[in-house]
Amino acid sequence: MNRRSVRRSERMGAWEGLSRFIGKIRPQIFLALCVLGAGMILGIQVGLTEIAVGCIAGIIALAKDVLQSDAGNGNGDGDAG
């Protein structure tokens, strides 16, 4: 194997990983993150600390939920039978 074929296979692996990641992005999650981010920025600029903190907490909770669902859930609610 020469260097060109190794580099090409490494690049294809990176593109495949990126396409899998993009395939996992759900539009409703992206929209929720954008809305919470906009609310956070607006709350910071206007001086509404409670709103900004609530939006930050929402982003953290949403990220935690997405990570749990990608890791196989782990809370046992899918195997109730």
N, C-alpha and C. Protein backbone atom coordinates (compact mmCIF):
# COMPACT_ATOMS: atom_id res chain seq x y z
N MET A 1 0.84 -1.20 0.00
CA MET A 1 0.00 0.00 0.00
C MET A 1 0.87 1.25 0.00
N ASN A 2 0.58 2.16 -0.86
CA ASN A 2 1.36 3.39 -0.87
C ASN A 2 0.68 4.47 -0.04
N ARG A 3 1.35 5.59 0.09
CA ARG A 3 0.85 6.66 0.96
C ARG A 3 -0.45 7.27 0.45
N ARG A 4 -0.60 7.36 -0.86
CA ARG A 4 -1.81 7.96 -1.40
C ARG A 4 -3.06 7.15 -1.05
N SER A 5 -2.97 5.84 -1.16
CA SER A 5 -4.14 5.03 -0.85
C SER A 5 -4.46 5.07 0.64
N VAL A 6 -3.45 5.15 1.50
CA VAL A 6 -3.69 5.25 2.93
C VAL A 6 -4.36 6.58 3.25
N ARG A 7 -3.86 7.65 2.69
CA ARG A 7 -4.46 8.97 2.95
C ARG A 7 -5.89 9.02 2.43
N ARG A 8 -6.12 8.44 1.25
CA ARG A 8 -7.45 8.45 0.68
C ARG A 8 -8.42 7.68 1.57
N SER A 9 -7.99 6.51 2.09
CA SER A 9 -8.88 5.74 2.97
C SER A 9 -9.13 6.48 4.27
N GLU A 10 -8.14 7.21 4.80
CA GLU A 10 -8.35 7.99 6.01
C GLU A 10 -9.35 9.11 5.76
N ARG A 11 -9.26 9.74 4.61
CA ARG A 11 -10.21 10.80 4.29
C ARG A 11 -11.62 10.25 4.12
N MET A 12 -11.74 9.12 3.50
CA MET A 12 -13.07 8.53 3.33
C MET A 12 -13.66 8.16 4.68
N GLY A 13 -12.82 7.70 5.61
CA GLY A 13 -13.31 7.39 6.94
C GLY A 13 -13.82 8.63 7.65
N ALA A 14 -13.12 9.74 7.48
CA ALA A 14 -13.55 10.99 8.10
C ALA A 14 -14.86 11.47 7.49
N TRP A 15 -15.00 11.36 6.16
CA TRP A 15 -16.23 11.79 5.51
C TRP A 15 -17.40 10.91 5.91
N GLU A 16 -17.14 9.61 6.05
CA GLU A 16 -18.22 8.71 6.46
C GLU A 16 -18.68 9.03 7.87
N GLY A 17 -17.72 9.33 8.76
CA GLY A 17 -18.08 9.71 10.13
C GLY A 17 -18.87 11.00 10.16
N LEU A 18 -18.47 11.96 9.32
CA LEU A 18 -19.20 13.23 9.27
C LEU A 18 -20.60 13.03 8.72
N SER A 19 -20.74 12.20 7.70
CA SER A 19 -22.08 11.98 7.15
C SER A 19 -22.98 11.26 8.14
N ARG A 20 -22.41 10.35 8.94
CA ARG A 20 -23.21 9.70 9.98
C ARG A 20 -23.65 10.70 11.04
N PHE A 21 -22.73 11.62 11.41
CA PHE A 21 -23.08 12.64 12.40
C PHE A 21 -24.17 13.56 11.88
N ILE A 22 -24.05 14.00 10.65
CA ILE A 22 -25.06 14.89 10.07
C ILE A 22 -26.39 14.15 9.95
N GLY A 23 -26.36 12.86 9.68
CA GLY A 23 -27.58 12.08 9.61
C GLY A 23 -28.30 11.96 10.94
N LYS A 24 -27.57 12.11 12.05
CA LYS A 24 -28.17 12.00 13.38
C LYS A 24 -28.77 13.31 13.87
N ILE A 25 -28.45 14.42 13.22
CA ILE A 25 -28.97 15.71 13.67
C ILE A 25 -30.46 15.77 13.37
N ARG A 26 -31.23 16.04 14.40
CA ARG A 26 -32.68 16.14 14.23
C ARG A 26 -33.07 17.61 14.17
N PRO A 27 -33.92 17.99 13.24
CA PRO A 27 -34.26 19.40 13.06
C PRO A 27 -34.90 20.02 14.30
N GLN A 28 -35.73 19.27 15.01
CA GLN A 28 -36.40 19.85 16.18
C GLN A 28 -35.40 20.14 17.30
N ILE A 29 -34.35 19.32 17.43
CA ILE A 29 -33.32 19.57 18.43
C ILE A 29 -32.52 20.81 18.03
N PHE A 30 -32.18 20.91 16.75
CA PHE A 30 -31.43 22.07 16.28
C PHE A 30 -32.24 23.36 16.48
N LEU A 31 -33.53 23.31 16.19
CA LEU A 31 -34.39 24.48 16.38
C LEU A 31 -34.48 24.86 17.85
N ALA A 32 -34.62 23.85 18.73
CA ALA A 32 -34.70 24.13 20.16
C ALA A 32 -33.41 24.77 20.67
N LEU A 33 -32.26 24.28 20.20
CA LEU A 33 -30.99 24.88 20.62
C LEU A 33 -30.88 26.32 20.13
N CYS A 34 -31.34 26.57 18.91
CA CYS A 34 -31.28 27.95 18.38
C CYS A 34 -32.19 28.88 19.17
N VAL A 35 -33.39 28.44 19.49
CA VAL A 35 -34.33 29.27 20.24
C VAL A 35 -33.80 29.54 21.64
N LEU A 36 -33.30 28.49 22.30
CA LEU A 36 -32.75 28.68 23.65
C LEU A 36 -31.51 29.57 23.63
N GLY A 37 -30.68 29.42 22.61
CA GLY A 37 -29.51 30.28 22.48
C GLY A 37 -29.89 31.73 22.24
N ALA A 38 -30.90 31.95 21.41
CA ALA A 38 -31.35 33.33 21.16
C ALA A 38 -31.96 33.93 22.42
N GLY A 39 -32.74 33.12 23.16
CA GLY A 39 -33.29 33.61 24.42
C GLY A 39 -32.22 33.93 25.44
N MET A 40 -31.18 33.12 25.46
CA MET A 40 -30.07 33.37 26.38
C MET A 40 -29.35 34.68 26.03
N ILE A 41 -29.06 34.87 24.76
CA ILE A 41 -28.38 36.10 24.34
C ILE A 41 -29.24 37.32 24.62
N LEU A 42 -30.52 37.23 24.32
CA LEU A 42 -31.43 38.33 24.58
C LEU A 42 -31.52 38.62 26.09
N GLY A 43 -31.60 37.57 26.90
CA GLY A 43 -31.65 37.75 28.34
C GLY A 43 -30.40 38.40 28.89
N ILE A 44 -29.25 38.05 28.35
CA ILE A 44 -27.99 38.66 28.79
C ILE A 44 -27.94 40.13 28.39
N GLN A 45 -28.34 40.44 27.16
CA GLN A 45 -28.27 41.82 26.68
C GLN A 45 -29.24 42.73 27.40
N VAL A 46 -30.43 42.23 27.72
CA VAL A 46 -31.44 43.05 28.37
C VAL A 46 -31.21 43.13 29.87
N GLY A 47 -30.51 42.15 30.42
CA GLY A 47 -30.24 42.14 31.84
C GLY A 47 -31.18 41.26 32.63
N LEU A 48 -31.87 40.36 31.95
CA LEU A 48 -32.77 39.42 32.61
C LEU A 48 -31.99 38.14 32.92
N THR A 49 -31.33 38.15 34.05
CA THR A 49 -30.45 37.05 34.40
C THR A 49 -31.21 35.74 34.55
N GLU A 50 -32.41 35.80 35.10
CA GLU A 50 -33.18 34.58 35.31
C GLU A 50 -33.51 33.90 34.00
N ILE A 51 -33.85 34.69 32.99
CA ILE A 51 -34.16 34.13 31.67
C ILE A 51 -32.91 33.50 31.05
N ALA A 52 -31.78 34.18 31.16
CA ALA A 52 -30.53 33.67 30.61
C ALA A 52 -30.13 32.36 31.28
N VAL A 53 -30.26 32.31 32.61
CA VAL A 53 -29.89 31.09 33.34
C VAL A 53 -30.85 29.95 32.98
N GLY A 54 -32.13 30.25 32.83
CA GLY A 54 -33.09 29.23 32.44
C GLY A 54 -32.79 28.67 31.06
N CYS A 55 -32.39 29.54 30.14
CA CYS A 55 -32.04 29.07 28.79
C CYS A 55 -30.77 28.23 28.82
N ILE A 56 -29.80 28.61 29.62
CA ILE A 56 -28.58 27.82 29.75
C ILE A 56 -28.91 26.44 30.32
N ALA A 57 -29.76 26.41 31.34
CA ALA A 57 -30.17 25.13 31.93
C ALA A 57 -30.91 24.27 30.90
N GLY A 58 -31.72 24.90 30.07
CA GLY A 58 -32.43 24.17 29.02
C GLY A 58 -31.47 23.57 28.00
N ILE A 59 -30.45 24.33 27.63
CA ILE A 59 -29.46 23.83 26.68
C ILE A 59 -28.71 22.64 27.28
N ILE A 60 -28.34 22.75 28.55
CA ILE A 60 -27.62 21.66 29.21
C ILE A 60 -28.50 20.42 29.30
N ALA A 61 -29.76 20.60 29.68
CA ALA A 61 -30.67 19.45 29.79
C ALA A 61 -30.92 18.80 28.44
N LEU A 62 -31.06 19.61 27.42
CA LEU A 62 -31.28 19.08 26.08
C LEU A 62 -30.05 18.32 25.59
N ALA A 63 -28.87 18.87 25.85
CA ALA A 63 -27.64 18.19 25.45
C ALA A 63 -27.49 16.86 26.19
N LYS A 64 -27.84 16.84 27.47
CA LYS A 64 -27.78 15.61 28.25
C LYS A 64 -28.73 14.56 27.69
N ASP A 65 -29.91 14.99 27.33
CA ASP A 65 -30.90 14.08 26.77
C ASP A 65 -30.44 13.51 25.44
N VAL A 66 -29.86 14.34 24.60
CA VAL A 66 -29.37 13.88 23.30
C VAL A 66 -28.23 12.90 23.50
N LEU A 67 -27.32 13.18 24.42
CA LEU A 67 -26.21 12.27 24.67
C LEU A 67 -26.71 10.93 25.21
N GLN A 68 -27.70 10.96 26.08
CA GLN A 68 -28.25 9.72 26.61
C GLN A 68 -28.92 8.89 25.51
N SER A 69 -29.65 9.54 24.64
CA SER A 69 -30.33 8.80 23.58
C SER A 69 -29.33 8.22 22.58
N ASP A 70 -28.22 8.92 22.33
CA ASP A 70 -27.20 8.40 21.43
C ASP A 70 -26.42 7.27 22.06
N ALA A 71 -26.32 7.24 23.38
CA ALA A 71 -25.54 6.21 24.07
C ALA A 71 -26.38 4.97 24.38
N GLY A 72 -27.58 4.90 23.91
CA GLY A 72 -28.41 3.73 24.13
C GLY A 72 -29.35 3.89 25.30
N ASN A 73 -29.63 5.10 25.69
CA ASN A 73 -30.60 5.46 26.71
C ASN A 73 -30.11 5.09 28.10
N GLY A 74 -30.10 3.84 28.46
CA GLY A 74 -29.56 3.44 29.73
C GLY A 74 -30.49 3.61 30.92
N ASN A 75 -31.68 4.17 30.73
CA ASN A 75 -32.57 4.35 31.86
C ASN A 75 -33.64 3.27 31.94
N GLY A 76 -33.63 2.32 31.05
CA GLY A 76 -34.50 1.16 31.14
C GLY A 76 -35.93 1.36 30.68
N ASP A 77 -36.28 2.52 30.14
CA ASP A 77 -37.67 2.71 29.74
C ASP A 77 -37.99 2.08 28.38
N GLY A 78 -36.98 1.73 27.62
CA GLY A 78 -37.23 1.13 26.32
C GLY A 78 -37.48 -0.36 26.37
N ASP A 79 -37.07 -1.01 27.44
CA ASP A 79 -37.21 -2.46 27.55
C ASP A 79 -38.34 -2.89 28.47
N ALA A 80 -39.28 -1.99 28.71
CA ALA A 80 -40.41 -2.36 29.58
C ALA A 80 -41.28 -3.35 28.85
N GLY A 81 -41.37 -4.54 29.39
CA GLY A 81 -42.15 -5.52 28.66
C GLY A 81 -42.72 -6.49 29.54
